[in-house]
């Protein structure tokens, strides 16, 4: 069990990480000539100078402030610590959006113990919105001030708004399951990356359904959504902490309705 002092230090460290990430990512966002390498040979999986600079900046802060903690980062892998806590970092979640100039990418910062994520931040540097969840806190701070995060109350699936990053969700079998949900909801929007999970925590949408995710894609969103009263599992109702299939829902009722369709 963490003490209040330890929780306060983790929150202060996460805020410093997010501040540094804003500087590193905005230095290159919407600049002429920004290019990307691809991490895959079969499809375009981009990484930019901003992804690498952002994670390096965050790792430097952790080395100074919390050298006892482990780190799992998308670009530079795992650094082993001794505290039993792991910082999980995605320096730019939504690099395709970043390259396109859209403001729906974000920086994901979380810390996990053996049970999974216990605190997380979804930060959108360009809009200057920071969504925070864990340790009894669920709030967003941005251009409109600071407000509590609260996921939507139950309503019928036919009234729901659902988000996903890609229309082609996962493998063919997963895509077929996803398409069973699509005609049952009121509205589906694509291309949100991590910002979709932030909107769910803020009470704007009801569902986010995705597949093929990595640990660093999901741990911060899980912490923020759960702090806001929502829930995140895999498509069978189990843990989503390690990525793969993700079903994020504003409440248990709409989660159950979507999961029934995914598994029908």
C-alpha atoms as a PDB file:
ATOM      1  CA  UNK A   1       0.000   0.000   0.000  1.00  0.00           C
ATOM      2  CA  UNK A   2       1.418   3.339  -1.043  1.00  0.00           C
ATOM      3  CA  UNK A   3       1.475   6.200   1.435  1.00  0.00           C
ATOM      4  CA  UNK A   4      -0.080   9.560   0.613  1.00  0.00           C
ATOM      5  CA  UNK A   5       3.414  11.010   0.303  1.00  0.00           C
ATOM      6  CA  UNK A   6       4.338   8.344  -2.245  1.00  0.00           C
ATOM      7  CA  UNK A   7       1.150   8.927  -4.222  1.00  0.00           C
ATOM      8  CA  UNK A   8       1.773  12.671  -4.214  1.00  0.00           C
ATOM      9  CA  UNK A   9       5.301  12.114  -5.511  1.00  0.00           C
ATOM     10  CA  UNK A  10       4.058   9.847  -8.301  1.00  0.00           C
ATOM     11  CA  UNK A  11       1.498  12.449  -9.372  1.00  0.00           C
ATOM     12  CA  UNK A  12       4.119  15.207  -9.307  1.00  0.00           C
ATOM     13  CA  UNK A  13       6.507  13.047 -11.308  1.00  0.00           C
ATOM     14  CA  UNK A  14       3.809  12.242 -13.884  1.00  0.00           C
ATOM     15  CA  UNK A  15       3.031  15.943 -14.240  1.00  0.00           C
ATOM     16  CA  UNK A  16       6.703  16.686 -14.870  1.00  0.00           C
ATOM     17  CA  UNK A  17       6.834  13.899 -17.442  1.00  0.00           C
ATOM     18  CA  UNK A  18       3.761  15.250 -19.218  1.00  0.00           C
ATOM     19  CA  UNK A  19       5.131  18.803 -19.220  1.00  0.00           C
ATOM     20  CA  UNK A  20       8.392  17.611 -20.757  1.00  0.00           C
ATOM     21  CA  UNK A  21       6.481  15.526 -23.299  1.00  0.00           C
ATOM     22  CA  UNK A  22       4.552  18.594 -24.434  1.00  0.00           C
ATOM     23  CA  UNK A  23       7.769  20.439 -25.203  1.00  0.00           C
ATOM     24  CA  UNK A  24       9.321  17.484 -27.032  1.00  0.00           C
ATOM     25  CA  UNK A  25       6.276  16.681 -29.163  1.00  0.00           C
ATOM     26  CA  UNK A  26       5.212  20.229 -30.022  1.00  0.00           C
ATOM     27  CA  UNK A  27       8.740  21.014 -31.221  1.00  0.00           C
ATOM     28  CA  UNK A  28       8.006  18.885 -34.298  1.00  0.00           C
ATOM     29  CA  UNK A  29       4.199  18.881 -34.625  1.00  0.00           C
ATOM     30  CA  UNK A  30       2.928  20.382 -37.903  1.00  0.00           C
ATOM     31  CA  UNK A  31       6.454  21.336 -38.962  1.00  0.00           C
ATOM     32  CA  UNK A  32       7.469  21.258 -42.643  1.00  0.00           C
ATOM     33  CA  UNK A  33       9.422  18.222 -43.680  1.00  0.00           C
ATOM     34  CA  UNK A  34       8.521  15.989 -40.732  1.00  0.00           C
ATOM     35  CA  UNK A  35       9.127  12.411 -41.847  1.00  0.00           C
ATOM     36  CA  UNK A  36       8.724   8.989 -40.297  1.00  0.00           C
ATOM     37  CA  UNK A  37      10.482   5.657 -40.365  1.00  0.00           C
ATOM     38  CA  UNK A  38       8.415   2.484 -40.253  1.00  0.00           C
ATOM     39  CA  UNK A  39       8.916  -0.219 -37.638  1.00  0.00           C
ATOM     40  CA  UNK A  40       7.281  -2.904 -39.789  1.00  0.00           C
ATOM     41  CA  UNK A  41       7.986  -4.205 -43.292  1.00  0.00           C
ATOM     42  CA  UNK A  42       4.480  -5.468 -44.091  1.00  0.00           C
ATOM     43  CA  UNK A  43       2.613  -2.265 -43.186  1.00  0.00           C
ATOM     44  CA  UNK A  44       3.272   1.341 -42.240  1.00  0.00           C
ATOM     45  CA  UNK A  45       3.933   1.567 -38.484  1.00  0.00           C
ATOM     46  CA  UNK A  46       5.467   5.028 -38.137  1.00  0.00           C
ATOM     47  CA  UNK A  47       7.960   6.376 -35.648  1.00  0.00           C
ATOM     48  CA  UNK A  48       9.295   9.937 -35.745  1.00  0.00           C
ATOM     49  CA  UNK A  49      12.086  11.927 -34.165  1.00  0.00           C
ATOM     50  CA  UNK A  50       9.422  13.300 -31.808  1.00  0.00           C
ATOM     51  CA  UNK A  51       8.477   9.830 -30.512  1.00  0.00           C
ATOM     52  CA  UNK A  52      12.090   9.127 -29.604  1.00  0.00           C
ATOM     53  CA  UNK A  53      12.856  12.571 -28.178  1.00  0.00           C
ATOM     54  CA  UNK A  54       9.727  12.503 -26.053  1.00  0.00           C
ATOM     55  CA  UNK A  55      10.460   9.144 -24.487  1.00  0.00           C
ATOM     56  CA  UNK A  56      14.101  10.087 -23.884  1.00  0.00           C
ATOM     57  CA  UNK A  57      13.002  13.247 -22.085  1.00  0.00           C
ATOM     58  CA  UNK A  58      10.612  11.292 -19.854  1.00  0.00           C
ATOM     59  CA  UNK A  59      13.213   8.614 -19.103  1.00  0.00           C
ATOM     60  CA  UNK A  60      15.723  11.277 -18.060  1.00  0.00           C
ATOM     61  CA  UNK A  61      13.232  12.640 -15.520  1.00  0.00           C
ATOM     62  CA  UNK A  62      12.516   9.183 -14.132  1.00  0.00           C
ATOM     63  CA  UNK A  63      16.247   8.454 -13.822  1.00  0.00           C
ATOM     64  CA  UNK A  64      16.562  11.577 -11.707  1.00  0.00           C
ATOM     65  CA  UNK A  65      13.356  11.443  -9.680  1.00  0.00           C
ATOM     66  CA  UNK A  66      12.513   7.742  -9.367  1.00  0.00           C
ATOM     67  CA  UNK A  67      15.499   5.547 -10.312  1.00  0.00           C
ATOM     68  CA  UNK A  68      14.099   2.689  -8.205  1.00  0.00           C
ATOM     69  CA  UNK A  69      11.136   2.159 -10.559  1.00  0.00           C
ATOM     70  CA  UNK A  70      11.067   0.033 -13.702  1.00  0.00           C
ATOM     71  CA  UNK A  71      10.181   1.550 -17.080  1.00  0.00           C
ATOM     72  CA  UNK A  72       8.388   0.033 -20.060  1.00  0.00           C
ATOM     73  CA  UNK A  73       8.445   2.355 -23.066  1.00  0.00           C
ATOM     74  CA  UNK A  74       7.327   1.873 -26.643  1.00  0.00           C
ATOM     75  CA  UNK A  75      10.531   3.122 -28.236  1.00  0.00           C
ATOM     76  CA  UNK A  76      13.300   2.045 -25.841  1.00  0.00           C
ATOM     77  CA  UNK A  77      11.984  -1.094 -24.169  1.00  0.00           C
ATOM     78  CA  UNK A  78      12.348  -2.121 -20.536  1.00  0.00           C
ATOM     79  CA  UNK A  79      14.549  -0.786 -17.757  1.00  0.00           C
ATOM     80  CA  UNK A  80      14.396  -2.909 -14.602  1.00  0.00           C
ATOM     81  CA  UNK A  81      13.993  -1.330 -11.170  1.00  0.00           C
ATOM     82  CA  UNK A  82      13.650  -2.570  -7.599  1.00  0.00           C
ATOM     83  CA  UNK A  83      10.482  -0.913  -6.258  1.00  0.00           C
ATOM     84  CA  UNK A  84       7.868  -3.242  -7.746  1.00  0.00           C
ATOM     85  CA  UNK A  85       6.406  -0.304  -9.677  1.00  0.00           C
ATOM     86  CA  UNK A  86       6.647   0.164 -13.436  1.00  0.00           C
ATOM     87  CA  UNK A  87       6.169   3.339 -15.453  1.00  0.00           C
ATOM     88  CA  UNK A  88       4.513   2.528 -18.777  1.00  0.00           C
ATOM     89  CA  UNK A  89       5.179   5.177 -21.437  1.00  0.00           C
ATOM     90  CA  UNK A  90       3.789   5.744 -24.909  1.00  0.00           C
ATOM     91  CA  UNK A  91       5.456   8.973 -26.076  1.00  0.00           C
ATOM     92  CA  UNK A  92       3.038   9.496 -28.973  1.00  0.00           C
ATOM     93  CA  UNK A  93      -0.019   7.305 -29.104  1.00  0.00           C
ATOM     94  CA  UNK A  94      -1.383   7.989 -32.576  1.00  0.00           C
ATOM     95  CA  UNK A  95       1.751   8.736 -34.592  1.00  0.00           C
ATOM     96  CA  UNK A  96      -0.310   8.469 -37.801  1.00  0.00           C
ATOM     97  CA  UNK A  97      -2.500  11.289 -36.517  1.00  0.00           C
ATOM     98  CA  UNK A  98       0.572  13.238 -35.419  1.00  0.00           C
ATOM     99  CA  UNK A  99       1.979  12.969 -38.942  1.00  0.00           C
ATOM    100  CA  UNK A 100      -1.357  14.075 -40.385  1.00  0.00           C
ATOM    101  CA  UNK A 101      -1.564  17.160 -38.177  1.00  0.00           C
ATOM    102  CA  UNK A 102      -4.703  16.062 -36.352  1.00  0.00           C
ATOM    103  CA  UNK A 103      -4.913  16.865 -32.613  1.00  0.00           C
ATOM    104  CA  UNK A 104      -6.194  13.483 -31.449  1.00  0.00           C
ATOM    105  CA  UNK A 105      -2.834  11.850 -30.658  1.00  0.00           C
ATOM    106  CA  UNK A 106      -1.600  11.925 -27.105  1.00  0.00           C
ATOM    107  CA  UNK A 107       1.081  11.073 -24.574  1.00  0.00           C
ATOM    108  CA  UNK A 108       0.304   8.117 -22.309  1.00  0.00           C
ATOM    109  CA  UNK A 109       1.899   7.901 -18.863  1.00  0.00           C
ATOM    110  CA  UNK A 110       0.977   5.354 -16.223  1.00  0.00           C
ATOM    111  CA  UNK A 111       2.416   3.496 -13.282  1.00  0.00           C
ATOM    112  CA  UNK A 112       1.550  -0.095 -12.459  1.00  0.00           C
ATOM    113  CA  UNK A 113       2.103  -2.563  -9.653  1.00  0.00           C
ATOM    114  CA  UNK A 114       1.718  -6.334  -9.860  1.00  0.00           C
ATOM    115  CA  UNK A 115      -2.070  -5.998 -10.211  1.00  0.00           C
ATOM    116  CA  UNK A 116      -2.006  -3.560 -13.140  1.00  0.00           C
ATOM    117  CA  UNK A 117      -2.165   0.209 -13.632  1.00  0.00           C
ATOM    118  CA  UNK A 118      -2.876   2.234 -10.498  1.00  0.00           C
ATOM    119  CA  UNK A 119      -2.550   5.762 -11.901  1.00  0.00           C
ATOM    120  CA  UNK A 120      -2.516   7.222 -15.388  1.00  0.00           C
ATOM    121  CA  UNK A 121      -2.389  10.357 -17.514  1.00  0.00           C
ATOM    122  CA  UNK A 122      -3.648  10.945 -21.057  1.00  0.00           C
ATOM    123  CA  UNK A 123      -2.157  14.234 -22.236  1.00  0.00           C
ATOM    124  CA  UNK A 124      -2.935  16.072 -25.476  1.00  0.00           C
ATOM    125  CA  UNK A 125      -0.186  18.682 -25.832  1.00  0.00           C
ATOM    126  CA  UNK A 126      -1.607  20.723 -28.717  1.00  0.00           C
ATOM    127  CA  UNK A 127      -5.077  21.132 -27.191  1.00  0.00           C
ATOM    128  CA  UNK A 128      -3.434  21.322 -23.742  1.00  0.00           C
ATOM    129  CA  UNK A 129      -5.857  18.878 -22.158  1.00  0.00           C
ATOM    130  CA  UNK A 130      -4.636  16.551 -19.422  1.00  0.00           C
ATOM    131  CA  UNK A 131      -6.824  13.674 -18.234  1.00  0.00           C
ATOM    132  CA  UNK A 132      -5.743  12.171 -14.920  1.00  0.00           C
ATOM    133  CA  UNK A 133      -7.019   9.139 -13.032  1.00  0.00           C
ATOM    134  CA  UNK A 134      -6.043   7.216  -9.925  1.00  0.00           C
ATOM    135  CA  UNK A 135      -5.278   7.688  -6.206  1.00  0.00           C
ATOM    136  CA  UNK A 136      -8.787   9.084  -5.685  1.00  0.00           C
ATOM    137  CA  UNK A 137      -8.412  11.627  -8.506  1.00  0.00           C
ATOM    138  CA  UNK A 138     -10.425  11.743 -11.749  1.00  0.00           C
ATOM    139  CA  UNK A 139     -10.107  15.072 -13.515  1.00  0.00           C
ATOM    140  CA  UNK A 140      -9.324  16.882 -16.734  1.00  0.00           C
ATOM    141  CA  UNK A 141      -7.451  20.175 -16.911  1.00  0.00           C
ATOM    142  CA  UNK A 142      -7.451  22.211 -20.099  1.00  0.00           C
ATOM    143  CA  UNK A 143      -8.501  25.429 -21.829  1.00  0.00           C
ATOM    144  CA  UNK A 144     -11.892  25.319 -20.087  1.00  0.00           C
ATOM    145  CA  UNK A 145     -10.381  24.881 -16.626  1.00  0.00           C
ATOM    146  CA  UNK A 146     -10.459  21.820 -14.397  1.00  0.00           C
ATOM    147  CA  UNK A 147     -13.439  19.480 -14.235  1.00  0.00           C
ATOM    148  CA  UNK A 148     -14.244  16.098 -12.748  1.00  0.00           C
ATOM    149  CA  UNK A 149     -14.225  13.090 -15.031  1.00  0.00           C
ATOM    150  CA  UNK A 150     -17.361  10.983 -14.908  1.00  0.00           C
ATOM    151  CA  UNK A 151     -18.314   8.266 -17.373  1.00  0.00           C
ATOM    152  CA  UNK A 152     -21.844   8.233 -18.773  1.00  0.00           C
ATOM    153  CA  UNK A 153     -24.760   6.657 -16.949  1.00  0.00           C
ATOM    154  CA  UNK A 154     -26.405   3.554 -18.470  1.00  0.00           C
ATOM    155  CA  UNK A 155     -28.535   3.923 -21.578  1.00  0.00           C
ATOM    156  CA  UNK A 156     -29.575   1.566 -24.329  1.00  0.00           C
ATOM    157  CA  UNK A 157     -27.059   0.362 -26.880  1.00  0.00           C
ATOM    158  CA  UNK A 158     -29.226   1.914 -29.582  1.00  0.00           C
ATOM    159  CA  UNK A 159     -28.440   5.341 -28.110  1.00  0.00           C
ATOM    160  CA  UNK A 160     -24.719   4.743 -27.710  1.00  0.00           C
ATOM    161  CA  UNK A 161     -21.748   6.484 -29.334  1.00  0.00           C
ATOM    162  CA  UNK A 162     -18.839   4.166 -30.082  1.00  0.00           C
ATOM    163  CA  UNK A 163     -15.257   4.998 -31.085  1.00  0.00           C
ATOM    164  CA  UNK A 164     -12.441   2.962 -32.600  1.00  0.00           C
ATOM    165  CA  UNK A 165      -9.168   3.937 -34.231  1.00  0.00           C
ATOM    166  CA  UNK A 166      -9.481   1.795 -37.358  1.00  0.00           C
ATOM    167  CA  UNK A 167     -12.551   0.466 -39.198  1.00  0.00           C
ATOM    168  CA  UNK A 168     -10.489  -2.699 -39.804  1.00  0.00           C
ATOM    169  CA  UNK A 169     -10.438  -3.972 -36.227  1.00  0.00           C
ATOM    170  CA  UNK A 170      -7.918  -6.730 -35.585  1.00  0.00           C
ATOM    171  CA  UNK A 171      -7.902  -9.952 -37.589  1.00  0.00           C
ATOM    172  CA  UNK A 172     -10.813 -11.047 -39.831  1.00  0.00           C
ATOM    173  CA  UNK A 173     -12.593 -12.858 -36.996  1.00  0.00           C
ATOM    174  CA  UNK A 174     -12.247  -9.863 -34.664  1.00  0.00           C
ATOM    175  CA  UNK A 175     -13.392  -7.534 -37.441  1.00  0.00           C
ATOM    176  CA  UNK A 176     -16.516  -9.640 -37.957  1.00  0.00           C
ATOM    177  CA  UNK A 177     -17.284  -9.479 -34.225  1.00  0.00           C
ATOM    178  CA  UNK A 178     -16.813  -5.711 -34.199  1.00  0.00           C
ATOM    179  CA  UNK A 179     -19.171  -5.328 -37.156  1.00  0.00           C
ATOM    180  CA  UNK A 180     -21.896  -7.074 -35.147  1.00  0.00           C
ATOM    181  CA  UNK A 181     -21.837  -4.143 -32.743  1.00  0.00           C
ATOM    182  CA  UNK A 182     -21.682  -1.339 -35.339  1.00  0.00           C
ATOM    183  CA  UNK A 183     -25.317  -1.472 -36.553  1.00  0.00           C
ATOM    184  CA  UNK A 184     -26.633  -1.672 -32.984  1.00  0.00           C
ATOM    185  CA  UNK A 185     -25.278   1.707 -31.829  1.00  0.00           C
ATOM    186  CA  UNK A 186     -26.406   5.187 -32.822  1.00  0.00           C
ATOM    187  CA  UNK A 187     -23.054   6.580 -33.990  1.00  0.00           C
ATOM    188  CA  UNK A 188     -19.564   5.248 -34.735  1.00  0.00           C
ATOM    189  CA  UNK A 189     -16.503   7.455 -35.239  1.00  0.00           C
ATOM    190  CA  UNK A 190     -12.969   6.428 -36.174  1.00  0.00           C
ATOM    191  CA  UNK A 191      -9.412   7.727 -35.870  1.00  0.00           C
ATOM    192  CA  UNK A 192      -9.365   8.906 -32.251  1.00  0.00           C
ATOM    193  CA  UNK A 193      -6.412   6.857 -30.912  1.00  0.00           C
ATOM    194  CA  UNK A 194      -5.989   7.453 -27.154  1.00  0.00           C
ATOM    195  CA  UNK A 195      -8.193  10.547 -27.253  1.00  0.00           C
ATOM    196  CA  UNK A 196     -11.199   8.264 -27.639  1.00  0.00           C
ATOM    197  CA  UNK A 197     -10.543   6.760 -24.218  1.00  0.00           C
ATOM    198  CA  UNK A 198     -10.224  10.242 -22.737  1.00  0.00           C
ATOM    199  CA  UNK A 199     -13.615  11.157 -24.201  1.00  0.00           C
ATOM    200  CA  UNK A 200     -15.150   8.062 -22.643  1.00  0.00           C
ATOM    201  CA  UNK A 201     -13.789   9.057 -19.224  1.00  0.00           C
ATOM    202  CA  UNK A 202     -15.154  12.570 -19.775  1.00  0.00           C
ATOM    203  CA  UNK A 203     -18.674  11.259 -20.374  1.00  0.00           C
ATOM    204  CA  UNK A 204     -18.825  12.110 -24.073  1.00  0.00           C
ATOM    205  CA  UNK A 205     -19.087   8.581 -25.508  1.00  0.00           C
ATOM    206  CA  UNK A 206     -20.217   5.152 -24.333  1.00  0.00           C
ATOM    207  CA  UNK A 207     -17.849   2.615 -25.884  1.00  0.00           C
ATOM    208  CA  UNK A 208     -14.378   2.156 -27.345  1.00  0.00           C
ATOM    209  CA  UNK A 209     -13.717  -1.224 -28.960  1.00  0.00           C
ATOM    210  CA  UNK A 210     -10.312  -2.145 -30.391  1.00  0.00           C
ATOM    211  CA  UNK A 211      -7.954  -5.090 -30.925  1.00  0.00           C
ATOM    212  CA  UNK A 212      -4.262  -5.664 -31.483  1.00  0.00           C
ATOM    213  CA  UNK A 213      -3.135  -3.181 -28.826  1.00  0.00           C
ATOM    214  CA  UNK A 214       0.080  -3.219 -26.809  1.00  0.00           C
ATOM    215  CA  UNK A 215       0.605  -2.805 -23.066  1.00  0.00           C
ATOM    216  CA  UNK A 216       1.711   0.807 -23.469  1.00  0.00           C
ATOM    217  CA  UNK A 217      -1.441   1.594 -25.492  1.00  0.00           C
ATOM    218  CA  UNK A 218      -3.884   0.628 -22.743  1.00  0.00           C
ATOM    219  CA  UNK A 219      -2.518   1.058 -19.236  1.00  0.00           C
ATOM    220  CA  UNK A 220      -2.979   4.822 -18.898  1.00  0.00           C
ATOM    221  CA  UNK A 221      -6.490   4.707 -20.459  1.00  0.00           C
ATOM    222  CA  UNK A 222      -7.474   1.906 -18.074  1.00  0.00           C
ATOM    223  CA  UNK A 223      -6.424   3.938 -15.036  1.00  0.00           C
ATOM    224  CA  UNK A 224      -8.202   7.087 -16.227  1.00  0.00           C
ATOM    225  CA  UNK A 225     -11.431   5.346 -17.264  1.00  0.00           C
ATOM    226  CA  UNK A 226     -11.700   3.260 -14.108  1.00  0.00           C
ATOM    227  CA  UNK A 227     -11.134   6.370 -11.974  1.00  0.00           C
ATOM    228  CA  UNK A 228     -14.032   8.002 -13.853  1.00  0.00           C
ATOM    229  CA  UNK A 229     -16.357   5.098 -13.065  1.00  0.00           C
ATOM    230  CA  UNK A 230     -16.060   3.236 -16.361  1.00  0.00           C
ATOM    231  CA  UNK A 231     -14.654  -0.201 -17.018  1.00  0.00           C
ATOM    232  CA  UNK A 232     -12.091  -1.732 -19.373  1.00  0.00           C
ATOM    233  CA  UNK A 233     -11.697  -5.450 -20.110  1.00  0.00           C
ATOM    234  CA  UNK A 234     -10.829  -7.688 -23.003  1.00  0.00           C
ATOM    235  CA  UNK A 235     -13.718  -8.907 -25.180  1.00  0.00           C
ATOM    236  CA  UNK A 236     -14.360 -11.839 -22.831  1.00  0.00           C
ATOM    237  CA  UNK A 237     -14.519  -9.734 -19.686  1.00  0.00           C
ATOM    238  CA  UNK A 238     -10.985 -10.503 -18.481  1.00  0.00           C
ATOM    239  CA  UNK A 239      -7.983  -8.280 -17.900  1.00  0.00           C
ATOM    240  CA  UNK A 240      -6.893  -5.954 -20.705  1.00  0.00           C
ATOM    241  CA  UNK A 241      -3.733  -4.729 -18.944  1.00  0.00           C
ATOM    242  CA  UNK A 242      -1.404  -6.477 -21.371  1.00  0.00           C
ATOM    243  CA  UNK A 243      -3.166  -5.211 -24.493  1.00  0.00           C
ATOM    244  CA  UNK A 244      -4.765  -7.283 -27.223  1.00  0.00           C
ATOM    245  CA  UNK A 245      -8.549  -6.909 -27.383  1.00  0.00           C
ATOM    246  CA  UNK A 246     -10.007  -3.957 -25.492  1.00  0.00           C
ATOM    247  CA  UNK A 247     -13.629  -3.224 -24.617  1.00  0.00           C
ATOM    248  CA  UNK A 248     -13.886   0.089 -22.763  1.00  0.00           C
ATOM    249  CA  UNK A 249     -17.343   1.054 -21.558  1.00  0.00           C
ATOM    250  CA  UNK A 250     -18.950   3.864 -19.613  1.00  0.00           C
ATOM    251  CA  UNK A 251     -20.769   1.448 -17.313  1.00  0.00           C
ATOM    252  CA  UNK A 252     -21.435  -2.224 -16.658  1.00  0.00           C
ATOM    253  CA  UNK A 253     -24.770  -2.287 -18.503  1.00  0.00           C
ATOM    254  CA  UNK A 254     -23.476  -1.106 -21.858  1.00  0.00           C
ATOM    255  CA  UNK A 255     -20.338  -3.190 -21.402  1.00  0.00           C
ATOM    256  CA  UNK A 256     -22.477  -6.321 -21.043  1.00  0.00           C
ATOM    257  CA  UNK A 257     -24.574  -5.455 -24.089  1.00  0.00           C
ATOM    258  CA  UNK A 258     -21.517  -4.895 -26.303  1.00  0.00           C
ATOM    259  CA  UNK A 259     -19.701  -7.982 -24.987  1.00  0.00           C
ATOM    260  CA  UNK A 260     -22.709 -10.177 -25.770  1.00  0.00           C
ATOM    261  CA  UNK A 261     -22.587  -9.074 -29.407  1.00  0.00           C
ATOM    262  CA  UNK A 262     -18.832  -9.482 -29.677  1.00  0.00           C
ATOM    263  CA  UNK A 263     -19.145 -13.089 -28.502  1.00  0.00           C
ATOM    264  CA  UNK A 264     -22.423 -14.070 -30.180  1.00  0.00           C
END
